[in-house]
C-alpha cells in the first residue's frame, strides 16, 4: 500500500448523513469503531433532525466531527456540506460515504483502500452489500445504467451467496451511495454531488460524471457491508421515495440522456405505471404510484419539489405523507416500478 505523505496509510474521511435515525446511526458508529484501518476520521452531517440525534451522537461519540445544518438539505446537499469541510484538509486522500444504517466488516476499509492503491485508474470503489436482515443475500454488487423507468439497476440483487467470493474486482457503472470510497482527485476533477437530486440517483449521477472523466468504478468482491436499506424513509415503494425516483430519473435524462434513452425511459414508464397502480392499490399504497407520476411531471416541467414531499422531509408542518411513511416502516418492502 502506498505510504501517504501524512502518515503510514492514506488518510480517509468517513462521511455519514443522519436524519432522525438515532438508533441506526449509533449502531453504524459502533461498527466503524471496529474497523481495523487506523488512519481515518468520522464526519457526520445531522440533516436537521428533531429526535435528539445531535446530543446523543455528541455524548456517545465525542471524537466524531458533527456538522449541524438547521434544516434537511437532502442527500446531495448534506454530502456537499460535509465535503466542503473535509476537502479543506489537504491530508485527506479518500472519502468513504456511508449511510447511517449499515454495518461494516472490520476489514472493509483496508480492502477498499488496497484495491484503489493498486490501480491509479480506479476512482470509486465499493463492497458487496448484503441485506442486514438476511446477511447472506445480496442487496447490491454495484449497478448498471439501463435508462428505463429508472436510470440504473442493482446487480445481483436478492442473490443468495452460499460461498465466499474469490478475491478480485468487478467493473460496474455505478456504486450505491450507502458505501462508496472516492479518491480525492475525483472531486478535484468533476466537483461534488448535484444538489438538484435531493435524494435518489445522486450517487448514480455522480458516478456517471466520474465515468465521463475517465475514472473507473469497481466492486471489491471480498469486501462486505450489511445494509438496512432506506431505513430513514421506510424503504421500498413509499410515496416520498417514489416521487424522488420519478423526478430524479427525468433530471438525469435532461442532463445526460440521448434520444434513444428518452424513448426507452418514457415507454417503460408508460407501460409500468398502470400495472404498478393496480398492484399497489391491492396493498392500499396506490398513492406511491401517483406520487411517482407526479415526480415525472415535476421533473419534465422543471417545477420545484412537491410541497407535500418537502413538508415531510423538512418537518415544517404535519404532512399527509408522514402517516403513509410511518405505516410503511417495518412493513413489506416491495420492488419499485
Protein backbone atom coordinates (compact mmCIF):
# COMPACT_ATOMS: atom_id res chain seq x y z
CA UNK A 1 0.00 0.00 0.00
CA UNK A 2 1.24 3.49 -0.83
CA UNK A 3 2.61 5.46 2.11
CA UNK A 4 0.87 8.82 2.45
CA UNK A 5 3.00 11.89 2.99
CA UNK A 6 0.89 12.45 6.10
CA UNK A 7 1.22 9.02 7.68
CA UNK A 8 1.72 5.30 7.23
CA UNK A 9 -1.64 4.87 5.48
CA UNK A 10 -3.63 7.10 3.13
CA UNK A 11 -5.93 9.36 5.14
CA UNK A 12 -9.66 8.59 4.86
CA UNK A 13 -12.58 10.77 5.93
CA UNK A 14 -15.77 8.77 6.58
CA UNK A 15 -18.85 10.87 5.81
CA UNK A 16 -22.26 9.89 7.21
CA UNK A 17 -25.64 11.62 7.00
CA UNK A 18 -28.28 11.32 9.70
CA UNK A 19 -31.90 12.42 9.66
CA UNK A 20 -33.99 11.33 12.63
CA UNK A 21 -32.33 7.92 12.69
CA UNK A 22 -30.54 7.96 16.01
CA UNK A 23 -30.75 4.23 16.78
CA UNK A 24 -29.39 3.17 13.38
CA UNK A 25 -26.77 5.92 13.41
CA UNK A 26 -25.38 4.92 16.80
CA UNK A 27 -25.16 1.29 15.63
CA UNK A 28 -23.32 2.39 12.49
CA UNK A 29 -20.84 4.45 14.52
CA UNK A 30 -20.24 1.45 16.78
CA UNK A 31 -19.49 -0.61 13.66
CA UNK A 32 -17.00 2.00 12.49
CA UNK A 33 -15.18 1.80 15.80
CA UNK A 34 -14.38 -1.83 15.00
CA UNK A 35 -12.61 -1.00 11.71
CA UNK A 36 -9.05 -2.30 11.59
CA UNK A 37 -7.88 0.62 9.44
CA UNK A 38 -6.34 3.27 11.67
CA UNK A 39 -5.88 6.47 9.67
CA UNK A 40 -9.41 7.85 9.39
CA UNK A 41 -11.75 10.43 10.86
CA UNK A 42 -15.54 10.45 11.01
CA UNK A 43 -17.58 13.44 9.87
CA UNK A 44 -21.32 13.27 10.48
CA UNK A 45 -23.84 15.72 8.99
CA UNK A 46 -27.04 15.78 11.03
CA UNK A 47 -29.59 16.89 8.46
CA UNK A 48 -31.99 18.88 10.65
CA UNK A 49 -33.01 16.01 12.96
CA UNK A 50 -35.66 16.59 15.62
CA UNK A 51 -35.20 13.33 17.57
CA UNK A 52 -32.30 14.36 19.79
CA UNK A 53 -29.72 12.86 17.44
CA UNK A 54 -27.17 15.64 17.79
CA UNK A 55 -26.98 15.45 21.55
CA UNK A 56 -26.90 11.65 21.62
CA UNK A 57 -24.13 11.43 19.00
CA UNK A 58 -22.01 14.12 20.68
CA UNK A 59 -22.32 12.32 24.03
CA UNK A 60 -21.71 8.76 22.81
CA UNK A 61 -19.01 9.59 20.21
CA UNK A 62 -17.24 12.81 21.18
CA UNK A 63 -14.48 12.30 18.58
CA UNK A 64 -16.97 12.42 15.69
CA UNK A 65 -16.89 15.75 13.86
CA UNK A 66 -20.52 16.85 13.92
CA UNK A 67 -21.90 19.31 11.34
CA UNK A 68 -25.42 20.54 12.04
CA UNK A 69 -27.29 22.47 9.34
CA UNK A 70 -30.60 23.90 10.62
CA UNK A 71 -32.71 22.08 8.02
CA UNK A 72 -32.71 18.89 5.94
CA UNK A 73 -30.51 19.61 2.92
CA UNK A 74 -31.24 16.26 1.30
CA UNK A 75 -28.68 13.61 0.49
CA UNK A 76 -26.74 15.59 -2.12
CA UNK A 77 -26.85 18.83 -0.13
CA UNK A 78 -25.83 17.15 3.11
CA UNK A 79 -22.96 15.32 1.46
CA UNK A 80 -21.75 18.50 -0.20
CA UNK A 81 -21.76 20.32 3.13
CA UNK A 82 -19.67 17.56 4.66
CA UNK A 83 -17.33 17.55 1.67
CA UNK A 84 -16.82 21.28 1.98
CA UNK A 85 -15.34 20.73 5.44
CA UNK A 86 -13.43 17.57 4.54
CA UNK A 87 -11.72 18.83 1.39
CA UNK A 88 -10.34 21.83 3.22
CA UNK A 89 -7.96 19.36 4.82
CA UNK A 90 -5.08 18.68 2.39
CA UNK A 91 -4.13 15.43 4.14
CA UNK A 92 -7.39 13.64 3.19
CA UNK A 93 -6.75 11.18 0.35
CA UNK A 94 -10.14 9.43 0.21
CA UNK A 95 -13.73 9.97 1.29
CA UNK A 96 -15.81 6.95 2.31
CA UNK A 97 -19.54 7.63 2.07
CA UNK A 98 -21.67 5.51 4.38
CA UNK A 99 -25.40 5.51 5.03
CA UNK A 100 -26.39 5.69 8.67
CA UNK A 101 -28.00 2.23 8.66
CA UNK A 102 -25.07 -0.05 7.79
CA UNK A 103 -22.74 -2.48 9.48
CA UNK A 104 -19.21 -2.83 8.09
CA UNK A 105 -16.90 -5.79 8.41
CA UNK A 106 -13.75 -4.79 10.36
CA UNK A 107 -11.51 -5.16 7.29
CA UNK A 108 -13.79 -3.17 4.94
CA UNK A 109 -11.68 -0.05 4.68
CA UNK A 110 -8.41 -1.97 4.38
CA UNK A 111 -9.77 -3.89 1.38
CA UNK A 112 -11.26 -0.87 -0.38
CA UNK A 113 -8.17 1.31 0.04
CA UNK A 114 -5.85 -1.52 -1.00
CA UNK A 115 -7.79 -2.00 -4.24
CA UNK A 116 -7.60 1.67 -5.19
CA UNK A 117 -3.93 1.92 -4.29
CA UNK A 118 -3.11 -0.91 -6.70
CA UNK A 119 -4.70 0.80 -9.72
CA UNK A 120 -4.42 4.53 -10.33
CA UNK A 121 -7.31 4.45 -12.84
CA UNK A 122 -9.83 3.46 -10.17
CA UNK A 123 -11.78 6.44 -8.88
CA UNK A 124 -14.72 4.95 -6.99
CA UNK A 125 -14.89 1.54 -5.31
CA UNK A 126 -17.37 -0.25 -3.09
CA UNK A 127 -18.09 -3.63 -1.46
CA UNK A 128 -20.69 -6.32 -1.97
CA UNK A 129 -23.68 -5.03 0.02
CA UNK A 130 -25.88 -7.56 1.79
CA UNK A 131 -29.26 -7.19 3.46
CA UNK A 132 -28.87 -6.56 7.17
CA UNK A 133 -31.95 -8.72 7.81
CA UNK A 134 -30.70 -11.55 5.55
CA UNK A 135 -26.89 -11.48 5.87
CA UNK A 136 -26.11 -13.89 3.03
CA UNK A 137 -28.44 -12.33 0.48
CA UNK A 138 -27.02 -9.62 -1.79
CA UNK A 139 -28.73 -6.26 -1.99
CA UNK A 140 -26.19 -4.74 -4.38
CA UNK A 141 -22.98 -5.55 -6.20
CA UNK A 142 -22.87 -2.16 -7.87
CA UNK A 143 -25.32 -1.14 -10.59
CA UNK A 144 -25.64 -0.80 -14.35
CA UNK A 145 -27.24 2.07 -16.24
CA UNK A 146 -30.37 0.95 -18.06
CA UNK A 147 -32.16 4.25 -18.92
CA UNK A 148 -35.65 2.86 -18.48
CA UNK A 149 -38.31 3.82 -15.93
CA UNK A 150 -35.33 4.12 -13.58
CA UNK A 151 -31.81 5.12 -14.58
CA UNK A 152 -29.84 2.26 -13.07
CA UNK A 153 -30.48 -1.21 -11.71
CA UNK A 154 -28.69 -3.05 -8.92
CA UNK A 155 -26.53 -6.02 -9.89
CA UNK A 156 -27.05 -9.46 -8.33
CA UNK A 157 -29.93 -8.14 -6.23
CA UNK A 158 -31.51 -10.81 -3.99
CA UNK A 159 -28.96 -13.48 -4.93
CA UNK A 160 -28.22 -15.83 -2.06
CA UNK A 161 -24.49 -16.37 -1.52
CA UNK A 162 -23.52 -19.85 -0.38
CA UNK A 163 -19.75 -19.46 -0.75
CA UNK A 164 -17.35 -16.59 -0.26
CA UNK A 165 -16.45 -14.61 -3.39
CA UNK A 166 -12.96 -15.05 -4.76
CA UNK A 167 -10.69 -12.06 -4.35
CA UNK A 168 -10.87 -9.57 -7.18
CA UNK A 169 -12.74 -6.63 -8.64
CA UNK A 170 -15.76 -6.34 -10.93
CA UNK A 171 -16.30 -3.32 -13.14
CA UNK A 172 -19.66 -1.59 -12.77
CA UNK A 173 -21.34 1.60 -13.98
CA UNK A 174 -22.10 2.97 -10.53
CA UNK A 175 -21.86 2.27 -6.81
CA UNK A 176 -24.69 2.82 -4.33
CA UNK A 177 -24.13 5.74 -2.00
CA UNK A 178 -24.64 3.55 1.08
CA UNK A 179 -20.95 2.69 0.75
CA UNK A 180 -18.52 4.06 -1.79
CA UNK A 181 -14.89 5.08 -1.42
CA UNK A 182 -13.94 8.03 -3.63
CA UNK A 183 -10.47 9.31 -4.40
CA UNK A 184 -9.85 12.97 -3.67
CA UNK A 185 -8.81 13.50 -7.30
CA UNK A 186 -12.35 12.66 -8.44
CA UNK A 187 -13.79 15.67 -6.57
CA UNK A 188 -10.98 17.87 -7.84
CA UNK A 189 -11.84 16.82 -11.40
CA UNK A 190 -15.67 16.69 -11.54
CA UNK A 191 -16.79 18.58 -8.44
CA UNK A 192 -19.30 17.37 -5.88
CA UNK A 193 -22.83 15.97 -5.93
CA UNK A 194 -25.56 17.66 -7.96
CA UNK A 195 -27.76 19.47 -5.39
CA UNK A 196 -30.85 19.17 -7.63
CA UNK A 197 -31.06 15.49 -6.60
CA UNK A 198 -32.49 15.86 -3.10
CA UNK A 199 -32.43 12.09 -2.74
CA UNK A 200 -32.34 9.10 -5.14
CA UNK A 201 -29.99 8.97 -8.14
CA UNK A 202 -27.45 11.49 -6.78
CA UNK A 203 -24.88 8.70 -6.41
CA UNK A 204 -25.54 7.31 -9.91
CA UNK A 205 -25.31 10.79 -11.43
CA UNK A 206 -22.01 11.39 -9.64
CA UNK A 207 -20.63 8.06 -10.90
CA UNK A 208 -21.81 8.89 -14.43
CA UNK A 209 -19.83 12.14 -14.42
CA UNK A 210 -16.82 10.32 -12.98
CA UNK A 211 -17.00 7.79 -15.81
CA UNK A 212 -17.06 10.56 -18.42
CA UNK A 213 -13.92 11.97 -16.79
CA UNK A 214 -12.17 8.61 -17.15
CA UNK A 215 -12.41 7.25 -13.61
CA UNK A 216 -13.25 3.54 -13.34
CA UNK A 217 -15.79 2.21 -10.84
CA UNK A 218 -15.47 -1.26 -9.36
CA UNK A 219 -16.84 -3.59 -6.70
CA UNK A 220 -14.23 -5.23 -4.48
CA UNK A 221 -15.68 -8.71 -4.24
CA UNK A 222 -14.21 -9.72 -0.88
CA UNK A 223 -15.28 -6.54 0.89
CA UNK A 224 -18.63 -6.79 2.69
CA UNK A 225 -21.21 -4.44 4.17
CA UNK A 226 -24.71 -5.06 5.58
CA UNK A 227 -27.43 -2.50 4.89
CA UNK A 228 -30.87 -1.97 6.43
CA UNK A 229 -31.96 -0.38 3.10
CA UNK A 230 -33.54 3.08 3.27
CA UNK A 231 -34.37 2.97 6.96
CA UNK A 232 -35.00 6.73 7.13
CA UNK A 233 -37.85 6.58 4.60
CA UNK A 234 -39.20 3.13 5.42
CA UNK A 235 -37.58 1.54 2.38
CA UNK A 236 -39.46 0.05 -0.52
CA UNK A 237 -42.14 1.80 -2.51
CA UNK A 238 -43.13 4.75 -0.33
CA UNK A 239 -44.72 7.96 -1.68
CA UNK A 240 -41.73 10.20 -0.98
CA UNK A 241 -39.16 7.79 -2.38
CA UNK A 242 -41.30 7.03 -5.44
CA UNK A 243 -41.71 10.76 -6.08
CA UNK A 244 -37.97 11.39 -6.00
CA UNK A 245 -37.34 8.28 -8.11
CA UNK A 246 -39.53 9.71 -10.85
CA UNK A 247 -38.24 13.27 -10.54
CA UNK A 248 -34.57 12.26 -10.44
CA UNK A 249 -34.99 9.98 -13.46
CA UNK A 250 -36.19 12.91 -15.54
CA UNK A 251 -33.47 15.24 -14.23
CA UNK A 252 -30.86 12.65 -15.17
CA UNK A 253 -32.32 12.26 -18.66
CA UNK A 254 -32.33 16.03 -19.15
CA UNK A 255 -28.66 16.23 -18.23
CA UNK A 256 -27.28 13.07 -19.81
CA UNK A 257 -29.91 11.30 -21.89
CA UNK A 258 -29.77 10.73 -25.64
CA UNK A 259 -32.95 10.47 -27.76
CA UNK A 260 -32.98 6.67 -27.53
CA UNK A 261 -32.62 6.89 -23.74
CA UNK A 262 -35.68 9.16 -23.60
CA UNK A 263 -37.66 6.80 -25.81
CA UNK A 264 -36.77 3.79 -23.67
CA UNK A 265 -37.44 5.51 -20.33
CA UNK A 266 -40.77 7.09 -21.27
CA UNK A 267 -42.05 3.92 -22.94
CA UNK A 268 -41.19 1.80 -19.91
CA UNK A 269 -42.78 4.36 -17.56
CA UNK A 270 -45.99 4.47 -19.57
CA UNK A 271 -46.26 0.67 -19.59
CA UNK A 272 -45.27 0.05 -15.98
CA UNK A 273 -47.21 2.71 -14.09
CA UNK A 274 -50.73 1.29 -14.73
CA UNK A 275 -49.64 -2.17 -13.60
CA UNK A 276 -47.89 -0.67 -10.58
CA UNK A 277 -51.05 1.24 -9.66
CA UNK A 278 -53.15 -1.95 -9.71
CA UNK A 279 -50.53 -3.82 -7.69
CA UNK A 280 -50.24 -1.11 -5.05
CA UNK A 281 -54.00 -0.49 -4.96
CA UNK A 282 -54.43 -4.01 -3.57
CA UNK A 283 -51.95 -3.07 -0.84
CA UNK A 284 -53.51 0.30 -0.11
CA UNK A 285 -50.37 2.02 -1.39
CA UNK A 286 -51.57 3.44 -4.72
CA UNK A 287 -50.62 6.95 -3.58
CA UNK A 288 -46.96 5.99 -4.06
CA UNK A 289 -47.58 5.37 -7.78
CA UNK A 290 -49.45 8.66 -8.11
CA UNK A 291 -46.51 10.44 -6.48
CA UNK A 292 -44.04 8.77 -8.83
CA UNK A 293 -46.08 10.08 -11.78
CA UNK A 294 -46.08 13.50 -10.10
CA UNK A 295 -42.29 13.27 -9.83
CA UNK A 296 -42.02 12.59 -13.55
CA UNK A 297 -44.18 15.64 -14.31
CA UNK A 298 -42.33 17.95 -11.95
CA UNK A 299 -39.02 16.88 -13.47
CA UNK A 300 -40.27 17.38 -17.04
CA UNK A 301 -41.77 20.80 -16.31
CA UNK A 302 -38.86 21.99 -14.19
CA UNK A 303 -41.04 22.56 -11.14
CA UNK A 304 -39.66 22.66 -7.58
CA UNK A 305 -40.08 19.73 -5.21
CA UNK A 306 -43.73 19.00 -4.48
CA UNK A 307 -44.76 20.78 -1.22
CA UNK A 308 -46.32 17.59 0.15
CA UNK A 309 -42.97 15.81 -0.09
CA UNK A 310 -40.96 18.83 1.06
CA UNK A 311 -43.07 19.19 4.21
CA UNK A 312 -42.36 15.59 5.14
CA UNK A 313 -38.60 15.95 4.91
CA UNK A 314 -38.33 19.46 6.34
CA UNK A 315 -40.89 18.80 9.09
CA UNK A 316 -42.26 22.31 8.62
CA UNK A 317 -45.73 21.06 9.41
CA UNK A 318 -47.71 17.85 9.58
CA UNK A 319 -47.67 16.23 6.18
CA UNK A 320 -50.13 13.79 4.61
CA UNK A 321 -47.12 11.71 3.62
CA UNK A 322 -45.96 11.27 7.19
CA UNK A 323 -48.73 8.91 8.17
CA UNK A 324 -48.25 6.91 5.00
CA UNK A 325 -44.49 6.64 5.53
CA UNK A 326 -44.86 5.65 9.17
CA UNK A 327 -47.35 2.94 8.31
CA UNK A 328 -44.88 1.53 5.79
CA UNK A 329 -41.98 1.44 8.27
CA UNK A 330 -41.26 -2.16 9.13
CA UNK A 331 -43.92 -3.44 6.71
CA UNK A 332 -43.45 -5.37 3.49
CA UNK A 333 -40.94 -3.70 1.20
CA UNK A 334 -41.98 -4.12 -2.39
CA UNK A 335 -39.89 -3.67 -5.50
CA UNK A 336 -40.26 -0.31 -7.19
CA UNK A 337 -41.66 0.12 -10.65
